[in-house]
Amino acid sequence: MTLTPLVYWAQRHEDIYLRVELTDAQNIDVQVHDKVLQFRAQGHGAKGQNEYEFSLEFLFPVKPEVSHKSTQRQVNLVVRKEKRGWWERLVVQERKPVFLAPDFDRWLEESDAEMEIRGKACF
């Protein structure tokens, strides 16, 4: 039986950051087709050592290449937005999936993200 891991998200004007709570993840498979991201991996999640997977249909189009980095504690994904901008929510459906939550460690409001961009431009 395949289970769903906990997934945390945050955004910037050009990127979406996803943090998948999966310890010692192996056989990581991440694919994006149109606006849908599919994730599958084996690892230790909330329900122990199992195979975990999830799918997200983004609100707007994203680029097909996704970068991911696995640490001992989690899998970090970076998805590039097709068009630069701020999204009102991550996914098409108005009710977010139960496994998805804001990543408050990375969370910025739109105005804060604009200030971050301006700060980088000054250097």
N, C-alpha and C. Protein backbone atom coordinates (compact mmCIF):
# COMPACT_ATOMS: atom_id res chain seq x y z
N MET A 1 0.84 -1.19 0.00
CA MET A 1 0.00 0.00 0.00
C MET A 1 0.88 1.25 0.00
N THR A 2 0.55 2.20 -0.83
CA THR A 2 1.30 3.44 -0.93
C THR A 2 0.66 4.49 -0.01
N LEU A 3 1.50 5.23 0.69
CA LEU A 3 1.05 6.26 1.62
C LEU A 3 1.43 7.64 1.11
N THR A 4 0.86 8.66 1.73
CA THR A 4 1.16 10.05 1.37
C THR A 4 2.00 10.70 2.47
N PRO A 5 3.15 11.30 2.12
CA PRO A 5 3.96 11.97 3.14
C PRO A 5 3.41 13.36 3.44
N LEU A 6 3.89 13.94 4.52
CA LEU A 6 3.59 15.34 4.81
C LEU A 6 4.44 16.20 3.87
N VAL A 7 3.83 17.23 3.30
CA VAL A 7 4.52 18.11 2.35
C VAL A 7 4.29 19.55 2.79
N TYR A 8 5.38 20.31 2.88
CA TYR A 8 5.31 21.73 3.24
C TYR A 8 5.71 22.55 2.03
N TRP A 9 5.08 23.72 1.85
CA TRP A 9 5.38 24.51 0.66
C TRP A 9 5.52 25.99 1.00
N ALA A 10 6.28 26.67 0.14
CA ALA A 10 6.44 28.12 0.18
C ALA A 10 6.71 28.56 -1.25
N GLN A 11 6.58 29.86 -1.51
CA GLN A 11 6.83 30.36 -2.86
C GLN A 11 7.62 31.65 -2.87
N ARG A 12 8.22 31.90 -3.99
CA ARG A 12 8.82 33.18 -4.33
C ARG A 12 8.23 33.53 -5.69
N HIS A 13 8.59 34.64 -6.25
CA HIS A 13 8.00 35.07 -7.53
C HIS A 13 8.34 34.11 -8.67
N GLU A 14 9.47 33.42 -8.59
CA GLU A 14 9.89 32.54 -9.68
C GLU A 14 9.88 31.06 -9.32
N ASP A 15 9.83 30.73 -8.04
CA ASP A 15 9.99 29.33 -7.61
C ASP A 15 8.93 28.91 -6.60
N ILE A 16 8.73 27.60 -6.55
CA ILE A 16 7.92 26.96 -5.51
C ILE A 16 8.86 26.01 -4.78
N TYR A 17 8.83 26.06 -3.46
CA TYR A 17 9.66 25.19 -2.64
C TYR A 17 8.76 24.17 -1.96
N LEU A 18 9.11 22.90 -2.11
CA LEU A 18 8.38 21.82 -1.44
C LEU A 18 9.35 21.05 -0.56
N ARG A 19 8.92 20.78 0.67
CA ARG A 19 9.73 19.99 1.60
C ARG A 19 8.92 18.76 1.97
N VAL A 20 9.41 17.60 1.58
CA VAL A 20 8.72 16.33 1.81
C VAL A 20 9.32 15.68 3.06
N GLU A 21 8.49 15.43 4.04
CA GLU A 21 8.95 14.83 5.30
C GLU A 21 9.11 13.32 5.11
N LEU A 22 10.30 12.93 4.70
CA LEU A 22 10.60 11.53 4.44
C LEU A 22 12.06 11.30 4.79
N THR A 23 12.31 10.51 5.82
CA THR A 23 13.67 10.23 6.27
C THR A 23 14.30 9.13 5.44
N ASP A 24 15.57 9.29 5.13
CA ASP A 24 16.34 8.30 4.37
C ASP A 24 15.63 7.88 3.08
N ALA A 25 15.17 8.86 2.33
CA ALA A 25 14.43 8.59 1.09
C ALA A 25 15.34 7.95 0.04
N GLN A 26 14.80 6.96 -0.65
CA GLN A 26 15.51 6.27 -1.73
C GLN A 26 14.57 6.11 -2.91
N ASN A 27 15.15 5.85 -4.08
CA ASN A 27 14.38 5.64 -5.31
C ASN A 27 13.41 6.80 -5.55
N ILE A 28 13.93 8.02 -5.43
CA ILE A 28 13.10 9.22 -5.59
C ILE A 28 12.78 9.42 -7.07
N ASP A 29 11.51 9.55 -7.38
CA ASP A 29 11.05 9.79 -8.75
C ASP A 29 10.13 11.01 -8.73
N VAL A 30 10.55 12.09 -9.39
CA VAL A 30 9.76 13.31 -9.46
C VAL A 30 9.55 13.64 -10.93
N GLN A 31 8.30 13.84 -11.32
CA GLN A 31 7.98 14.17 -12.70
C GLN A 31 6.95 15.28 -12.74
N VAL A 32 7.06 16.13 -13.76
CA VAL A 32 6.06 17.18 -13.98
C VAL A 32 5.57 17.06 -15.41
N HIS A 33 4.27 16.96 -15.55
CA HIS A 33 3.61 16.95 -16.86
C HIS A 33 2.51 17.99 -16.82
N ASP A 34 2.57 18.94 -17.74
CA ASP A 34 1.63 20.06 -17.75
C ASP A 34 1.73 20.79 -16.42
N LYS A 35 0.68 20.79 -15.63
CA LYS A 35 0.69 21.47 -14.35
C LYS A 35 0.72 20.50 -13.17
N VAL A 36 0.97 19.22 -13.44
CA VAL A 36 0.88 18.20 -12.39
C VAL A 36 2.26 17.67 -12.00
N LEU A 37 2.57 17.74 -10.72
CA LEU A 37 3.79 17.16 -10.19
C LEU A 37 3.45 15.83 -9.55
N GLN A 38 4.23 14.81 -9.88
CA GLN A 38 4.06 13.50 -9.27
C GLN A 38 5.36 13.14 -8.56
N PHE A 39 5.23 12.72 -7.31
CA PHE A 39 6.37 12.36 -6.47
C PHE A 39 6.17 10.94 -5.96
N ARG A 40 7.26 10.17 -5.98
CA ARG A 40 7.22 8.80 -5.45
C ARG A 40 8.60 8.49 -4.88
N ALA A 41 8.64 7.88 -3.70
CA ALA A 41 9.91 7.50 -3.08
C ALA A 41 9.65 6.48 -1.97
N GLN A 42 10.71 5.82 -1.59
CA GLN A 42 10.67 4.92 -0.44
C GLN A 42 11.43 5.61 0.69
N GLY A 43 10.92 5.48 1.88
CA GLY A 43 11.59 6.09 3.01
C GLY A 43 10.79 5.91 4.27
N HIS A 44 11.24 6.58 5.33
CA HIS A 44 10.59 6.49 6.63
C HIS A 44 9.79 7.77 6.84
N GLY A 45 8.48 7.66 6.81
CA GLY A 45 7.59 8.81 7.02
C GLY A 45 6.78 8.62 8.28
N ALA A 46 5.64 9.30 8.34
CA ALA A 46 4.78 9.26 9.52
C ALA A 46 4.27 7.85 9.82
N LYS A 47 4.15 7.01 8.81
CA LYS A 47 3.64 5.65 9.00
C LYS A 47 4.75 4.61 8.91
N GLY A 48 5.99 5.02 9.18
CA GLY A 48 7.11 4.08 9.17
C GLY A 48 7.72 3.90 7.80
N GLN A 49 8.49 2.85 7.64
CA GLN A 49 9.20 2.57 6.39
C GLN A 49 8.20 2.03 5.36
N ASN A 50 8.01 2.79 4.28
CA ASN A 50 7.02 2.43 3.25
C ASN A 50 7.35 3.13 1.95
N GLU A 51 6.50 2.90 0.97
CA GLU A 51 6.54 3.67 -0.27
C GLU A 51 5.53 4.80 -0.12
N TYR A 52 5.97 6.01 -0.45
CA TYR A 52 5.13 7.20 -0.32
C TYR A 52 5.01 7.87 -1.67
N GLU A 53 3.85 8.47 -1.93
CA GLU A 53 3.67 9.22 -3.17
C GLU A 53 2.60 10.28 -2.98
N PHE A 54 2.66 11.29 -3.84
CA PHE A 54 1.61 12.30 -3.88
C PHE A 54 1.63 12.95 -5.25
N SER A 55 0.55 13.65 -5.54
CA SER A 55 0.40 14.36 -6.79
C SER A 55 -0.20 15.72 -6.48
N LEU A 56 0.32 16.78 -7.14
CA LEU A 56 -0.22 18.13 -6.98
C LEU A 56 -0.50 18.71 -8.35
N GLU A 57 -1.72 19.24 -8.53
CA GLU A 57 -2.02 19.98 -9.76
C GLU A 57 -1.92 21.46 -9.41
N PHE A 58 -0.87 22.10 -9.94
CA PHE A 58 -0.60 23.50 -9.61
C PHE A 58 -1.66 24.43 -10.19
N LEU A 59 -1.78 25.58 -9.58
CA LEU A 59 -2.74 26.59 -10.02
C LEU A 59 -2.40 27.10 -11.41
N PHE A 60 -1.10 27.26 -11.69
CA PHE A 60 -0.63 27.76 -12.99
C PHE A 60 0.46 26.84 -13.53
N PRO A 61 0.82 26.98 -14.80
CA PRO A 61 1.87 26.12 -15.37
C PRO A 61 3.23 26.33 -14.72
N VAL A 62 3.98 25.23 -14.68
CA VAL A 62 5.35 25.25 -14.17
C VAL A 62 6.27 24.63 -15.21
N LYS A 63 7.55 24.87 -15.07
CA LYS A 63 8.52 24.28 -15.99
C LYS A 63 8.68 22.79 -15.66
N PRO A 64 8.95 21.96 -16.67
CA PRO A 64 8.99 20.52 -16.44
C PRO A 64 10.18 20.01 -15.63
N GLU A 65 11.28 20.76 -15.60
CA GLU A 65 12.43 20.28 -14.84
C GLU A 65 12.31 20.71 -13.37
N VAL A 66 12.52 19.75 -12.49
CA VAL A 66 12.43 19.97 -11.05
C VAL A 66 13.75 19.56 -10.43
N SER A 67 14.30 20.41 -9.58
CA SER A 67 15.53 20.01 -8.89
C SER A 67 15.13 19.47 -7.51
N HIS A 68 15.80 18.42 -7.08
CA HIS A 68 15.53 17.89 -5.75
C HIS A 68 16.82 17.47 -5.08
N LYS A 69 16.81 17.63 -3.77
CA LYS A 69 17.96 17.27 -2.96
C LYS A 69 17.44 16.50 -1.75
N SER A 70 18.01 15.34 -1.54
CA SER A 70 17.58 14.51 -0.42
C SER A 70 18.60 14.64 0.70
N THR A 71 18.09 14.91 1.89
CA THR A 71 18.94 14.90 3.08
C THR A 71 18.52 13.69 3.91
N GLN A 72 19.17 13.49 5.00
CA GLN A 72 18.82 12.35 5.85
C GLN A 72 17.39 12.49 6.40
N ARG A 73 16.92 13.73 6.53
CA ARG A 73 15.63 13.96 7.17
C ARG A 73 14.49 14.30 6.23
N GLN A 74 14.79 14.77 5.00
CA GLN A 74 13.72 15.23 4.13
C GLN A 74 14.18 15.29 2.68
N VAL A 75 13.21 15.52 1.80
CA VAL A 75 13.51 15.74 0.38
C VAL A 75 13.04 17.16 0.05
N ASN A 76 13.96 17.98 -0.47
CA ASN A 76 13.63 19.35 -0.85
C ASN A 76 13.51 19.45 -2.36
N LEU A 77 12.40 20.01 -2.83
CA LEU A 77 12.15 20.19 -4.25
C LEU A 77 12.04 21.66 -4.58
N VAL A 78 12.57 22.05 -5.75
CA VAL A 78 12.39 23.40 -6.25
C VAL A 78 11.76 23.29 -7.63
N VAL A 79 10.60 23.91 -7.77
CA VAL A 79 9.86 23.91 -9.03
C VAL A 79 9.84 25.34 -9.55
N ARG A 80 10.20 25.53 -10.82
CA ARG A 80 10.23 26.87 -11.43
C ARG A 80 8.87 27.19 -12.04
N LYS A 81 8.35 28.36 -11.74
CA LYS A 81 7.09 28.81 -12.34
C LYS A 81 7.33 29.14 -13.81
N GLU A 82 6.35 28.87 -14.64
CA GLU A 82 6.43 29.20 -16.07
C GLU A 82 6.48 30.71 -16.25
N LYS A 83 5.60 31.42 -15.51
CA LYS A 83 5.57 32.88 -15.56
C LYS A 83 5.82 33.40 -14.15
N ARG A 84 6.68 34.40 -14.08
CA ARG A 84 7.00 35.02 -12.80
C ARG A 84 5.75 35.67 -12.23
N GLY A 85 5.53 35.51 -10.94
CA GLY A 85 4.37 36.13 -10.30
C GLY A 85 4.03 35.46 -8.98
N TRP A 86 3.08 36.04 -8.27
CA TRP A 86 2.67 35.54 -6.97
C TRP A 86 1.35 34.81 -7.12
N TRP A 87 1.29 33.61 -6.60
CA TRP A 87 0.07 32.81 -6.68
C TRP A 87 -0.74 32.97 -5.41
N GLU A 88 -2.06 33.04 -5.56
CA GLU A 88 -2.93 33.16 -4.38
C GLU A 88 -2.99 31.85 -3.60
N ARG A 89 -2.75 30.74 -4.29
CA ARG A 89 -2.67 29.42 -3.64
C ARG A 89 -1.83 28.52 -4.52
N LEU A 90 -1.47 27.36 -4.02
CA LEU A 90 -0.57 26.47 -4.75
C LEU A 90 -1.29 25.60 -5.78
N VAL A 91 -2.44 25.08 -5.42
CA VAL A 91 -3.09 24.07 -6.26
C VAL A 91 -4.41 24.58 -6.85
N VAL A 92 -4.89 23.86 -7.87
CA VAL A 92 -6.11 24.24 -8.57
C VAL A 92 -7.32 24.22 -7.64
N GLN A 93 -7.48 23.13 -6.90
CA GLN A 93 -8.66 23.03 -6.03
C GLN A 93 -8.56 24.04 -4.89
N GLU A 94 -9.70 24.61 -4.54
CA GLU A 94 -9.71 25.64 -3.50
C GLU A 94 -9.38 25.08 -2.12
N ARG A 95 -9.80 23.86 -1.86
CA ARG A 95 -9.44 23.22 -0.59
C ARG A 95 -8.11 22.52 -0.78
N LYS A 96 -7.14 22.90 0.03
CA LYS A 96 -5.82 22.29 -0.11
C LYS A 96 -5.86 20.83 0.34
N PRO A 97 -5.01 20.00 -0.24
CA PRO A 97 -4.94 18.61 0.20
C PRO A 97 -4.55 18.53 1.68
N VAL A 98 -5.04 17.52 2.38
CA VAL A 98 -4.79 17.40 3.83
C VAL A 98 -3.32 17.20 4.16
N PHE A 99 -2.53 16.68 3.23
CA PHE A 99 -1.11 16.42 3.49
C PHE A 99 -0.23 17.64 3.24
N LEU A 100 -0.82 18.75 2.79
CA LEU A 100 -0.07 19.94 2.38
C LEU A 100 -0.24 21.06 3.41
N ALA A 101 0.90 21.67 3.81
CA ALA A 101 0.86 22.76 4.79
C ALA A 101 1.90 23.81 4.43
N PRO A 102 1.72 25.05 4.88
CA PRO A 102 2.73 26.09 4.64
C PRO A 102 4.04 25.76 5.33
N ASP A 103 5.14 26.09 4.65
CA ASP A 103 6.47 25.92 5.24
C ASP A 103 6.85 27.26 5.87
N PHE A 104 6.53 27.42 7.13
CA PHE A 104 6.74 28.71 7.80
C PHE A 104 8.21 29.05 7.96
N ASP A 105 9.11 28.08 7.82
CA ASP A 105 10.53 28.39 7.85
C ASP A 105 10.96 29.17 6.61
N ARG A 106 10.23 29.00 5.51
CA ARG A 106 10.56 29.68 4.25
C ARG A 106 9.50 30.67 3.81
N TRP A 107 8.43 30.77 4.54
CA TRP A 107 7.27 31.55 4.11
C TRP A 107 7.58 33.04 4.08
N LEU A 108 7.22 33.69 2.99
CA LEU A 108 7.27 35.14 2.86
C LEU A 108 5.96 35.61 2.27
N GLU A 109 5.50 36.76 2.68
CA GLU A 109 4.36 37.39 2.02
C GLU A 109 4.87 38.02 0.72
N GLU A 110 3.96 38.35 -0.18
CA GLU A 110 4.36 38.90 -1.48
C GLU A 110 5.21 40.16 -1.33
N SER A 111 4.84 41.05 -0.42
CA SER A 111 5.60 42.29 -0.24
C SER A 111 7.01 42.01 0.29
N ASP A 112 7.13 41.01 1.17
CA ASP A 112 8.46 40.64 1.68
C ASP A 112 9.34 40.08 0.57
N ALA A 113 8.74 39.30 -0.33
CA ALA A 113 9.48 38.73 -1.44
C ALA A 113 9.96 39.83 -2.39
N GLU A 114 9.13 40.86 -2.59
CA GLU A 114 9.54 42.00 -3.42
C GLU A 114 10.74 42.70 -2.81
N MET A 115 10.73 42.88 -1.49
CA MET A 115 11.85 43.54 -0.81
C MET A 115 13.11 42.69 -0.91
N GLU A 116 12.96 41.36 -0.85
CA GLU A 116 14.10 40.45 -1.00
C GLU A 116 14.73 40.62 -2.39
N ILE A 117 13.90 40.72 -3.41
CA ILE A 117 14.40 40.92 -4.79
C ILE A 117 15.13 42.25 -4.90
N ARG A 118 14.54 43.31 -4.36
CA ARG A 118 15.18 44.63 -4.41
C ARG A 118 16.51 44.62 -3.68
N GLY A 119 16.58 43.91 -2.57
CA GLY A 119 17.82 43.82 -1.79
C GLY A 119 18.93 43.14 -2.60
N LYS A 120 18.58 42.11 -3.35
CA LYS A 120 19.57 41.42 -4.18
C LYS A 120 20.03 42.31 -5.33
N ALA A 121 19.15 43.15 -5.84
CA ALA A 121 19.50 44.02 -6.96
C ALA A 121 20.49 45.11 -6.55
N CYS A 122 20.55 45.41 -5.26
CA CYS A 122 21.45 46.46 -4.78
C CYS A 122 22.90 46.01 -4.73
N PHE A 123 23.15 44.73 -4.78
CA PHE A 123 24.52 44.21 -4.66
C PHE A 123 25.18 44.07 -5.99
